[in-house]
Amino acid sequence: MKVLVTGANGMFGQDLCPILEDIGCFVIPTDYSTLNILDKNAVDKMFCETHPDMVVHCAAYTNVDKAEEDKEGAAKLNVEGTENVARAASDIGATMVYISTDYVFDGTKCTPYLPEDEPNPQSVYGLTKYQGELAVKKYCEKHYITRTSWLYGIHGKNFVETMIALADKPEIKVVDDQIGCPTWTVDLVNGILKLLNKPYGVYHLCGGGKTSWYGFSKEIFKLADLDVNLKPCTTEEFPRPAKRPGYSVMENNGILRPWQEALADYIKLRKEEKKS
């Protein structure tokens, strides 16, 4: 299978591409320097020339707080760019995988969100990602919309690495009233591969179970054998420009394993890479 990946140099893309190659796919990695998804003609040309069987659309505007002041930039990349990719994928009959987010929900539910639950984004980032979902549904019939959350991976800046870098601070305060599902990039890749035998549609690919950012931090430090002065705090004590959902737990129907198992493997991998 021939797979074109947008945003291949991002944290997720750098895990996705080698795993696809390992299972025998011919991967066409692209980033902004090789494919500007805002240039419709360039997208059409690339897709016609390479003719992939599947397109995994990872490229996105992901700076949640900056998006609040850069609404136009976020909309261009997450909506207009996604529309260009969806149209081009449809024109050549390719299957499209779109990476979306738990931030499409408002966080007011008390039980895990289901794929069929109505989105109600509260931030510019969440809104533009949801509008991207709508573009995929409208323009590419053969699609998998995959919502993930609290993503971390070895190839980019993420919460796990931030916490470990802060371990020598006298005190670390972490929000304890936002509940979600930590997800390792490698598990997200494996989840996408499982979808290929399922009907097209919307799926939740996040770590199984739930925790708060504080609970996530606690597990990180425990697995990393770090003794820190960790304190819980509220969202109000740690204000950010973009509103985060207080509860963004998603039901993944067992597609991905529990988040604790994935985190343990990630920390183990970090330790092995530091030794080598």
C-alpha atoms as a PDB file:
ATOM      1  CA  MET A   1       0.000   0.000   0.000  1.00  0.00           C
ATOM      2  CA  LYS A   2       1.208   3.476  -0.912  1.00  0.00           C
ATOM      3  CA  VAL A   3       0.648   6.039   1.871  1.00  0.00           C
ATOM      4  CA  LEU A   4       1.133   9.794   1.670  1.00  0.00           C
ATOM      5  CA  VAL A   5       1.683  11.508   5.022  1.00  0.00           C
ATOM      6  CA  THR A   6       1.269  15.241   5.577  1.00  0.00           C
ATOM      7  CA  GLY A   7       3.127  16.740   8.525  1.00  0.00           C
ATOM      8  CA  ALA A   8       5.584  13.844   8.423  1.00  0.00           C
ATOM      9  CA  ASN A   9       8.230  15.737  10.400  1.00  0.00           C
ATOM     10  CA  GLY A  10       5.929  16.360  13.359  1.00  0.00           C
ATOM     11  CA  MET A  11       5.964  14.397  16.600  1.00  0.00           C
ATOM     12  CA  PHE A  12       3.319  11.943  15.407  1.00  0.00           C
ATOM     13  CA  GLY A  13       4.530  11.761  11.809  1.00  0.00           C
ATOM     14  CA  GLN A  14       8.028  10.742  12.885  1.00  0.00           C
ATOM     15  CA  ASP A  15       6.616   7.643  14.594  1.00  0.00           C
ATOM     16  CA  LEU A  16       3.996   6.962  11.926  1.00  0.00           C
ATOM     17  CA  CYS A  17       6.256   6.818   8.863  1.00  0.00           C
ATOM     18  CA  PRO A  18       8.791   4.200  10.058  1.00  0.00           C
ATOM     19  CA  ILE A  19       6.042   1.968  11.462  1.00  0.00           C
ATOM     20  CA  LEU A  20       4.224   2.079   8.121  1.00  0.00           C
ATOM     21  CA  GLU A  21       7.468   1.202   6.345  1.00  0.00           C
ATOM     22  CA  ASP A  22       8.064  -1.680   8.766  1.00  0.00           C
ATOM     23  CA  ILE A  23       4.761  -3.299   7.754  1.00  0.00           C
ATOM     24  CA  GLY A  24       5.593  -2.994   4.066  1.00  0.00           C
ATOM     25  CA  CYS A  25       3.968   0.283   3.043  1.00  0.00           C
ATOM     26  CA  PHE A  26       5.567   2.608   0.510  1.00  0.00           C
ATOM     27  CA  VAL A  27       5.539   5.923   2.394  1.00  0.00           C
ATOM     28  CA  ILE A  28       5.548   9.360   0.804  1.00  0.00           C
ATOM     29  CA  PRO A  29       6.462  11.737   3.659  1.00  0.00           C
ATOM     30  CA  THR A  30       5.673  15.412   3.123  1.00  0.00           C
ATOM     31  CA  ASP A  31       6.021  18.560   5.180  1.00  0.00           C
ATOM     32  CA  TYR A  32       5.644  22.267   4.467  1.00  0.00           C
ATOM     33  CA  SER A  33       8.885  22.361   2.464  1.00  0.00           C
ATOM     34  CA  THR A  34       7.701  19.662   0.057  1.00  0.00           C
ATOM     35  CA  LEU A  35       3.931  20.195   0.091  1.00  0.00           C
ATOM     36  CA  ASN A  36       2.124  23.397   1.059  1.00  0.00           C
ATOM     37  CA  ILE A  37      -1.374  22.136   1.831  1.00  0.00           C
ATOM     38  CA  LEU A  38      -2.707  25.693   1.456  1.00  0.00           C
ATOM     39  CA  ASP A  39      -1.764  25.571  -2.232  1.00  0.00           C
ATOM     40  CA  LYS A  40      -4.634  23.614  -3.800  1.00  0.00           C
ATOM     41  CA  ASN A  41      -2.876  23.232  -7.141  1.00  0.00           C
ATOM     42  CA  ALA A  42       0.252  21.885  -5.469  1.00  0.00           C
ATOM     43  CA  VAL A  43      -1.803  19.385  -3.470  1.00  0.00           C
ATOM     44  CA  ASP A  44      -3.688  18.228  -6.573  1.00  0.00           C
ATOM     45  CA  LYS A  45      -0.445  17.869  -8.511  1.00  0.00           C
ATOM     46  CA  MET A  46       1.291  15.885  -5.751  1.00  0.00           C
ATOM     47  CA  PHE A  47      -1.653  13.509  -5.357  1.00  0.00           C
ATOM     48  CA  CYS A  48      -2.032  12.970  -9.097  1.00  0.00           C
ATOM     49  CA  GLU A  49       1.678  12.287  -9.539  1.00  0.00           C
ATOM     50  CA  THR A  50       2.118   9.969  -6.550  1.00  0.00           C
ATOM     51  CA  HIS A  51      -1.399   8.459  -6.515  1.00  0.00           C
ATOM     52  CA  PRO A  52      -1.391   7.116  -2.913  1.00  0.00           C
ATOM     53  CA  ASP A  53      -3.894   4.508  -1.747  1.00  0.00           C
ATOM     54  CA  MET A  54      -4.174   6.252   1.609  1.00  0.00           C
ATOM     55  CA  VAL A  55      -3.475   9.725   2.948  1.00  0.00           C
ATOM     56  CA  VAL A  56      -2.777  10.304   6.642  1.00  0.00           C
ATOM     57  CA  HIS A  57      -3.330  13.992   7.300  1.00  0.00           C
ATOM     58  CA  CYS A  58      -1.182  14.940  10.305  1.00  0.00           C
ATOM     59  CA  ALA A  59      -0.320  18.518   9.306  1.00  0.00           C
ATOM     60  CA  ALA A  60      -2.136  20.959  11.583  1.00  0.00           C
ATOM     61  CA  TYR A  61      -2.003  24.164  13.546  1.00  0.00           C
ATOM     62  CA  THR A  62      -1.547  22.719  17.038  1.00  0.00           C
ATOM     63  CA  ASN A  63      -0.580  25.694  19.227  1.00  0.00           C
ATOM     64  CA  VAL A  64      -3.797  25.791  21.248  1.00  0.00           C
ATOM     65  CA  ASP A  65      -3.170  29.091  23.031  1.00  0.00           C
ATOM     66  CA  LYS A  66      -1.654  30.963  20.091  1.00  0.00           C
ATOM     67  CA  ALA A  67      -4.674  30.040  17.971  1.00  0.00           C
ATOM     68  CA  GLU A  68      -6.829  32.305  20.156  1.00  0.00           C
ATOM     69  CA  GLU A  69      -5.069  35.353  18.714  1.00  0.00           C
ATOM     70  CA  ASP A  70      -4.189  33.840  15.338  1.00  0.00           C
ATOM     71  CA  LYS A  71      -7.660  32.694  14.318  1.00  0.00           C
ATOM     72  CA  GLU A  72      -7.009  33.213  10.631  1.00  0.00           C
ATOM     73  CA  GLY A  73      -3.793  31.184  10.667  1.00  0.00           C
ATOM     74  CA  ALA A  74      -5.426  28.314  12.553  1.00  0.00           C
ATOM     75  CA  ALA A  75      -8.435  28.296  10.233  1.00  0.00           C
ATOM     76  CA  LYS A  76      -6.291  28.363   7.105  1.00  0.00           C
ATOM     77  CA  LEU A  77      -4.220  25.348   8.118  1.00  0.00           C
ATOM     78  CA  ASN A  78      -6.845  23.287   9.938  1.00  0.00           C
ATOM     79  CA  VAL A  79      -9.822  23.986   7.695  1.00  0.00           C
ATOM     80  CA  GLU A  80      -8.705  25.245   4.292  1.00  0.00           C
ATOM     81  CA  GLY A  81      -5.654  22.968   4.204  1.00  0.00           C
ATOM     82  CA  THR A  82      -7.714  19.963   5.278  1.00  0.00           C
ATOM     83  CA  GLU A  83     -10.317  20.714   2.615  1.00  0.00           C
ATOM     84  CA  ASN A  84      -7.605  20.766  -0.059  1.00  0.00           C
ATOM     85  CA  VAL A  85      -6.268  17.403   1.115  1.00  0.00           C
ATOM     86  CA  ALA A  86      -9.763  15.863   1.361  1.00  0.00           C
ATOM     87  CA  ARG A  87     -10.746  16.991  -2.144  1.00  0.00           C
ATOM     88  CA  ALA A  88      -7.500  15.732  -3.658  1.00  0.00           C
ATOM     89  CA  ALA A  89      -7.774  12.380  -1.852  1.00  0.00           C
ATOM     90  CA  SER A  90     -11.329  11.956  -3.111  1.00  0.00           C
ATOM     91  CA  ASP A  91     -10.362  12.839  -6.689  1.00  0.00           C
ATOM     92  CA  ILE A  92      -7.924   9.912  -6.862  1.00  0.00           C
ATOM     93  CA  GLY A  93     -10.061   7.518  -4.812  1.00  0.00           C
ATOM     94  CA  ALA A  94      -7.700   7.429  -1.811  1.00  0.00           C
ATOM     95  CA  THR A  95      -8.747   6.722   1.768  1.00  0.00           C
ATOM     96  CA  MET A  96      -8.144   9.665   4.097  1.00  0.00           C
ATOM     97  CA  VAL A  97      -7.210   9.432   7.768  1.00  0.00           C
ATOM     98  CA  TYR A  98      -7.709  12.724   9.604  1.00  0.00           C
ATOM     99  CA  ILE A  99      -6.161  13.289  13.024  1.00  0.00           C
ATOM    100  CA  SER A 100      -8.608  15.225  15.208  1.00  0.00           C
ATOM    101  CA  THR A 101      -8.817  16.026  18.906  1.00  0.00           C
ATOM    102  CA  ASP A 102     -10.784  15.732  22.144  1.00  0.00           C
ATOM    103  CA  TYR A 103     -10.950  19.543  22.101  1.00  0.00           C
ATOM    104  CA  VAL A 104     -13.938  19.311  19.750  1.00  0.00           C
ATOM    105  CA  PHE A 105     -15.965  18.628  22.929  1.00  0.00           C
ATOM    106  CA  ASP A 106     -16.971  21.186  25.565  1.00  0.00           C
ATOM    107  CA  GLY A 107     -16.064  19.010  28.552  1.00  0.00           C
ATOM    108  CA  THR A 108     -19.449  19.236  30.295  1.00  0.00           C
ATOM    109  CA  LYS A 109     -20.284  15.525  30.046  1.00  0.00           C
ATOM    110  CA  CYS A 110     -19.738  13.266  33.066  1.00  0.00           C
ATOM    111  CA  THR A 111     -19.305  10.010  31.161  1.00  0.00           C
ATOM    112  CA  PRO A 112     -16.857   9.231  28.320  1.00  0.00           C
ATOM    113  CA  TYR A 113     -17.631  10.919  25.029  1.00  0.00           C
ATOM    114  CA  LEU A 114     -18.773   8.611  22.243  1.00  0.00           C
ATOM    115  CA  PRO A 115     -17.844   9.130  18.569  1.00  0.00           C
ATOM    116  CA  GLU A 116     -21.462  10.016  17.811  1.00  0.00           C
ATOM    117  CA  ASP A 117     -21.719  12.695  20.533  1.00  0.00           C
ATOM    118  CA  GLU A 118     -22.285  16.211  19.256  1.00  0.00           C
ATOM    119  CA  PRO A 119     -19.104  18.340  19.299  1.00  0.00           C
ATOM    120  CA  ASN A 120     -19.212  21.775  20.902  1.00  0.00           C
ATOM    121  CA  PRO A 121     -15.670  23.203  20.803  1.00  0.00           C
ATOM    122  CA  GLN A 122     -14.805  25.991  23.234  1.00  0.00           C
ATOM    123  CA  SER A 123     -11.498  27.141  21.712  1.00  0.00           C
ATOM    124  CA  VAL A 124     -10.352  28.345  18.300  1.00  0.00           C
ATOM    125  CA  TYR A 125      -8.156  25.262  17.994  1.00  0.00           C
ATOM    126  CA  GLY A 126     -11.033  22.921  18.824  1.00  0.00           C
ATOM    127  CA  LEU A 127     -13.378  24.744  16.463  1.00  0.00           C
ATOM    128  CA  THR A 128     -10.985  24.665  13.518  1.00  0.00           C
ATOM    129  CA  LYS A 129     -10.237  20.964  14.050  1.00  0.00           C
ATOM    130  CA  TYR A 130     -13.977  20.237  14.104  1.00  0.00           C
ATOM    131  CA  GLN A 131     -14.470  22.288  10.955  1.00  0.00           C
ATOM    132  CA  GLY A 132     -11.691  20.154   9.475  1.00  0.00           C
ATOM    133  CA  GLU A 133     -13.726  17.064  10.384  1.00  0.00           C
ATOM    134  CA  LEU A 134     -16.717  18.501   8.556  1.00  0.00           C
ATOM    135  CA  ALA A 135     -14.587  19.189   5.484  1.00  0.00           C
ATOM    136  CA  VAL A 136     -13.350  15.583   5.449  1.00  0.00           C
ATOM    137  CA  LYS A 137     -16.919  14.264   5.725  1.00  0.00           C
ATOM    138  CA  LYS A 138     -18.098  16.583   2.960  1.00  0.00           C
ATOM    139  CA  TYR A 139     -15.347  16.055   0.413  1.00  0.00           C
ATOM    140  CA  CYS A 140     -13.918  12.553   0.974  1.00  0.00           C
ATOM    141  CA  GLU A 141     -16.343   9.654   1.288  1.00  0.00           C
ATOM    142  CA  LYS A 142     -13.625   7.125   2.164  1.00  0.00           C
ATOM    143  CA  HIS A 143     -12.463   8.556   5.481  1.00  0.00           C
ATOM    144  CA  TYR A 144     -11.468   7.745   9.026  1.00  0.00           C
ATOM    145  CA  ILE A 145     -11.739  10.658  11.452  1.00  0.00           C
ATOM    146  CA  THR A 146      -9.606   9.760  14.454  1.00  0.00           C
ATOM    147  CA  ARG A 147      -9.919  11.840  17.605  1.00  0.00           C
ATOM    148  CA  THR A 148      -7.002  11.553  19.989  1.00  0.00           C
ATOM    149  CA  SER A 149      -5.934  13.372  23.154  1.00  0.00           C
ATOM    150  CA  TRP A 150      -3.032  14.394  25.385  1.00  0.00           C
ATOM    151  CA  LEU A 151      -0.560  13.125  22.802  1.00  0.00           C
ATOM    152  CA  TYR A 152       3.106  12.528  23.640  1.00  0.00           C
ATOM    153  CA  GLY A 153       5.979  10.950  21.729  1.00  0.00           C
ATOM    154  CA  ILE A 154       9.721  10.609  21.629  1.00  0.00           C
ATOM    155  CA  HIS A 155      10.163  12.981  18.669  1.00  0.00           C
ATOM    156  CA  GLY A 156       8.706  16.221  19.953  1.00  0.00           C
ATOM    157  CA  LYS A 157       7.952  18.601  22.777  1.00  0.00           C
ATOM    158  CA  ASN A 158       5.232  17.111  24.975  1.00  0.00           C
ATOM    159  CA  PHE A 159       3.868  16.983  28.516  1.00  0.00           C
ATOM    160  CA  VAL A 160       5.917  13.967  29.602  1.00  0.00           C
ATOM    161  CA  GLU A 161       9.195  15.583  28.591  1.00  0.00           C
ATOM    162  CA  THR A 162       8.153  18.900  30.136  1.00  0.00           C
ATOM    163  CA  MET A 163       7.447  17.246  33.474  1.00  0.00           C
ATOM    164  CA  ILE A 164      10.736  15.342  33.503  1.00  0.00           C
ATOM    165  CA  ALA A 165      12.618  18.542  32.653  1.00  0.00           C
ATOM    166  CA  LEU A 166      10.978  20.265  35.654  1.00  0.00           C
ATOM    167  CA  ALA A 167      11.837  17.465  38.094  1.00  0.00           C
ATOM    168  CA  ASP A 168      14.571  19.440  39.887  1.00  0.00           C
ATOM    169  CA  LYS A 169      12.271  22.357  40.751  1.00  0.00           C
ATOM    170  CA  PRO A 170      11.534  22.948  44.462  1.00  0.00           C
ATOM    171  CA  GLU A 171       7.811  22.524  43.770  1.00  0.00           C
ATOM    172  CA  ILE A 172       5.726  21.571  40.727  1.00  0.00           C
ATOM    173  CA  LYS A 173       2.042  22.479  40.533  1.00  0.00           C
ATOM    174  CA  VAL A 174      -0.118  20.622  38.022  1.00  0.00           C
ATOM    175  CA  VAL A 175      -3.814  20.998  37.212  1.00  0.00           C
ATOM    176  CA  ASP A 176      -5.964  18.325  38.826  1.00  0.00           C
ATOM    177  CA  ASP A 177      -9.435  19.321  37.570  1.00  0.00           C
ATOM    178  CA  GLN A 178      -8.995  18.561  33.861  1.00  0.00           C
ATOM    179  CA  ILE A 179      -9.635  14.887  33.107  1.00  0.00           C
ATOM    180  CA  GLY A 180      -8.600  13.161  29.906  1.00  0.00           C
ATOM    181  CA  CYS A 181      -6.801  10.266  28.238  1.00  0.00           C
ATOM    182  CA  PRO A 182      -3.011  10.377  27.718  1.00  0.00           C
ATOM    183  CA  THR A 183      -2.009   8.804  24.385  1.00  0.00           C
ATOM    184  CA  TRP A 184       1.395   7.655  23.110  1.00  0.00           C
ATOM    185  CA  THR A 185       2.038   8.383  19.432  1.00  0.00           C
ATOM    186  CA  VAL A 186       3.063   4.757  18.819  1.00  0.00           C
ATOM    187  CA  ASP A 187      -0.254   3.519  20.202  1.00  0.00           C
ATOM    188  CA  LEU A 188      -2.087   6.008  17.980  1.00  0.00           C
ATOM    189  CA  VAL A 189      -0.311   4.570  14.927  1.00  0.00           C
ATOM    190  CA  ASN A 190      -1.273   1.041  15.937  1.00  0.00           C
ATOM    191  CA  GLY A 191      -4.845   2.193  16.491  1.00  0.00           C
ATOM    192  CA  ILE A 192      -5.032   3.633  12.988  1.00  0.00           C
ATOM    193  CA  LEU A 193      -3.779   0.350  11.538  1.00  0.00           C
ATOM    194  CA  LYS A 194      -6.585  -1.470  13.355  1.00  0.00           C
ATOM    195  CA  LEU A 195      -9.147   0.840  11.771  1.00  0.00           C
ATOM    196  CA  LEU A 196      -8.303  -0.249   8.258  1.00  0.00           C
ATOM    197  CA  ASN A 197     -10.468  -3.350   8.707  1.00  0.00           C
ATOM    198  CA  LYS A 198     -13.377  -1.315  10.090  1.00  0.00           C
ATOM    199  CA  PRO A 199     -16.099   0.726   8.349  1.00  0.00           C
ATOM    200  CA  TYR A 200     -15.316   4.332   7.453  1.00  0.00           C
ATOM    201  CA  GLY A 201     -16.380   6.881  10.059  1.00  0.00           C
ATOM    202  CA  VAL A 202     -15.420   8.617  13.305  1.00  0.00           C
ATOM    203  CA  TYR A 203     -13.326   6.805  15.934  1.00  0.00           C
ATOM    204  CA  HIS A 204     -11.761   7.693  19.261  1.00  0.00           C
ATOM    205  CA  LEU A 205      -8.119   6.635  19.435  1.00  0.00           C
ATOM    206  CA  CYS A 206      -6.891   7.577  22.885  1.00  0.00           C
ATOM    207  CA  GLY A 207      -5.315   5.787  25.804  1.00  0.00           C
ATOM    208  CA  GLY A 208      -7.758   3.614  27.720  1.00  0.00           C
ATOM    209  CA  GLY A 209      -8.961   4.856  31.085  1.00  0.00           C
ATOM    210  CA  LYS A 210      -8.693   8.395  32.400  1.00  0.00           C
ATOM    211  CA  THR A 211      -6.659  10.658  34.662  1.00  0.00           C
ATOM    212  CA  SER A 212      -6.005  14.302  35.435  1.00  0.00           C
ATOM    213  CA  TRP A 213      -2.864  16.158  34.405  1.00  0.00           C
ATOM    214  CA  TYR A 214      -1.807  15.829  38.048  1.00  0.00           C
ATOM    215  CA  GLY A 215      -2.440  12.074  37.992  1.00  0.00           C
ATOM    216  CA  PHE A 216      -0.565  11.820  34.703  1.00  0.00           C
ATOM    217  CA  SER A 217       2.384  13.692  36.249  1.00  0.00           C
ATOM    218  CA  LYS A 218       2.377  11.467  39.304  1.00  0.00           C
ATOM    219  CA  GLU A 219       2.643   8.352  37.125  1.00  0.00           C
ATOM    220  CA  ILE A 220       5.394   9.917  34.992  1.00  0.00           C
ATOM    221  CA  PHE A 221       7.566  10.657  38.019  1.00  0.00           C
ATOM    222  CA  LYS A 222       6.923   7.235  39.539  1.00  0.00           C
ATOM    223  CA  LEU A 223       7.904   5.381  36.355  1.00  0.00           C
ATOM    224  CA  ALA A 224      10.924   7.644  35.816  1.00  0.00           C
ATOM    225  CA  ASP A 225      12.101   7.041  39.401  1.00  0.00           C
ATOM    226  CA  LEU A 226      12.040  10.754  40.170  1.00  0.00           C
ATOM    227  CA  ASP A 227      11.324  12.119  43.650  1.00  0.00           C
ATOM    228  CA  VAL A 228       9.597  15.481  43.231  1.00  0.00           C
ATOM    229  CA  ASN A 229       7.488  17.861  45.277  1.00  0.00           C
ATOM    230  CA  LEU A 230       4.298  17.581  43.202  1.00  0.00           C
ATOM    231  CA  LYS A 231       1.206  19.571  44.173  1.00  0.00           C
ATOM    232  CA  PRO A 232      -2.284  19.604  42.622  1.00  0.00           C
ATOM    233  CA  CYS A 233      -3.858  22.905  41.596  1.00  0.00           C
ATOM    234  CA  THR A 234      -7.000  24.123  39.856  1.00  0.00           C
ATOM    235  CA  THR A 235      -7.428  25.426  36.320  1.00  0.00           C
ATOM    236  CA  GLU A 236      -8.165  28.856  37.824  1.00  0.00           C
ATOM    237  CA  GLU A 237      -4.719  28.879  39.434  1.00  0.00           C
ATOM    238  CA  PHE A 238      -3.091  28.185  36.070  1.00  0.00           C
ATOM    239  CA  PRO A 239      -4.969  30.391  33.553  1.00  0.00           C
ATOM    240  CA  ARG A 240      -4.354  29.947  29.832  1.00  0.00           C
ATOM    241  CA  PRO A 241      -5.638  31.938  26.826  1.00  0.00           C
ATOM    242  CA  ALA A 242      -7.581  28.997  25.399  1.00  0.00           C
ATOM    243  CA  LYS A 243     -10.348  27.289  27.332  1.00  0.00           C
ATOM    244  CA  ARG A 244      -9.681  23.596  27.937  1.00  0.00           C
ATOM    245  CA  PRO A 245     -12.460  21.043  28.407  1.00  0.00           C
ATOM    246  CA  GLY A 246     -12.719  20.024  32.054  1.00  0.00           C
ATOM    247  CA  TYR A 247     -13.660  16.478  31.116  1.00  0.00           C
ATOM    248  CA  SER A 248     -12.559  15.186  27.719  1.00  0.00           C
ATOM    249  CA  VAL A 249     -12.471  11.455  28.398  1.00  0.00           C
ATOM    250  CA  MET A 250     -13.348   9.532  25.236  1.00  0.00           C
ATOM    251  CA  GLU A 251     -14.629   5.985  24.853  1.00  0.00           C
ATOM    252  CA  ASN A 252     -12.115   4.118  22.681  1.00  0.00           C
ATOM    253  CA  ASN A 253     -13.946   0.771  22.611  1.00  0.00           C
ATOM    254  CA  GLY A 254     -10.783  -1.103  23.522  1.00  0.00           C
ATOM    255  CA  ILE A 255      -8.897  -0.107  20.355  1.00  0.00           C
ATOM    256  CA  LEU A 256      -5.992   1.257  22.417  1.00  0.00           C
ATOM    257  CA  ARG A 257      -4.601  -0.212  25.647  1.00  0.00           C
ATOM    258  CA  PRO A 258      -4.736   1.502  29.064  1.00  0.00           C
ATOM    259  CA  TRP A 259      -2.738   4.725  29.174  1.00  0.00           C
ATOM    260  CA  GLN A 260      -0.613   3.512  32.104  1.00  0.00           C
ATOM    261  CA  GLU A 261       0.743   0.560  30.078  1.00  0.00           C
ATOM    262  CA  ALA A 262       1.666   2.802  27.165  1.00  0.00           C
ATOM    263  CA  LEU A 263       3.378   5.341  29.422  1.00  0.00           C
ATOM    264  CA  ALA A 264       5.417   2.587  31.083  1.00  0.00           C
ATOM    265  CA  ASP A 265       6.684   1.451  27.665  1.00  0.00           C
ATOM    266  CA  TYR A 266       7.452   5.043  26.671  1.00  0.00           C
ATOM    267  CA  ILE A 267       9.485   5.683  29.834  1.00  0.00           C
ATOM    268  CA  LYS A 268      11.302   2.375  29.332  1.00  0.00           C
ATOM    269  CA  LEU A 269      12.165   3.401  25.757  1.00  0.00           C
ATOM    270  CA  ARG A 270      13.485   6.767  26.994  1.00  0.00           C
ATOM    271  CA  LYS A 271      15.741   5.037  29.499  1.00  0.00           C
ATOM    272  CA  GLU A 272      17.077   2.631  26.852  1.00  0.00           C
ATOM    273  CA  GLU A 273      17.800   5.467  24.404  1.00  0.00           C
ATOM    274  CA  LYS A 274      19.688   7.424  27.075  1.00  0.00           C
ATOM    275  CA  LYS A 275      21.897   4.401  27.767  1.00  0.00           C
ATOM    276  CA  SER A 276      22.742   3.854  24.080  1.00  0.00           C
END
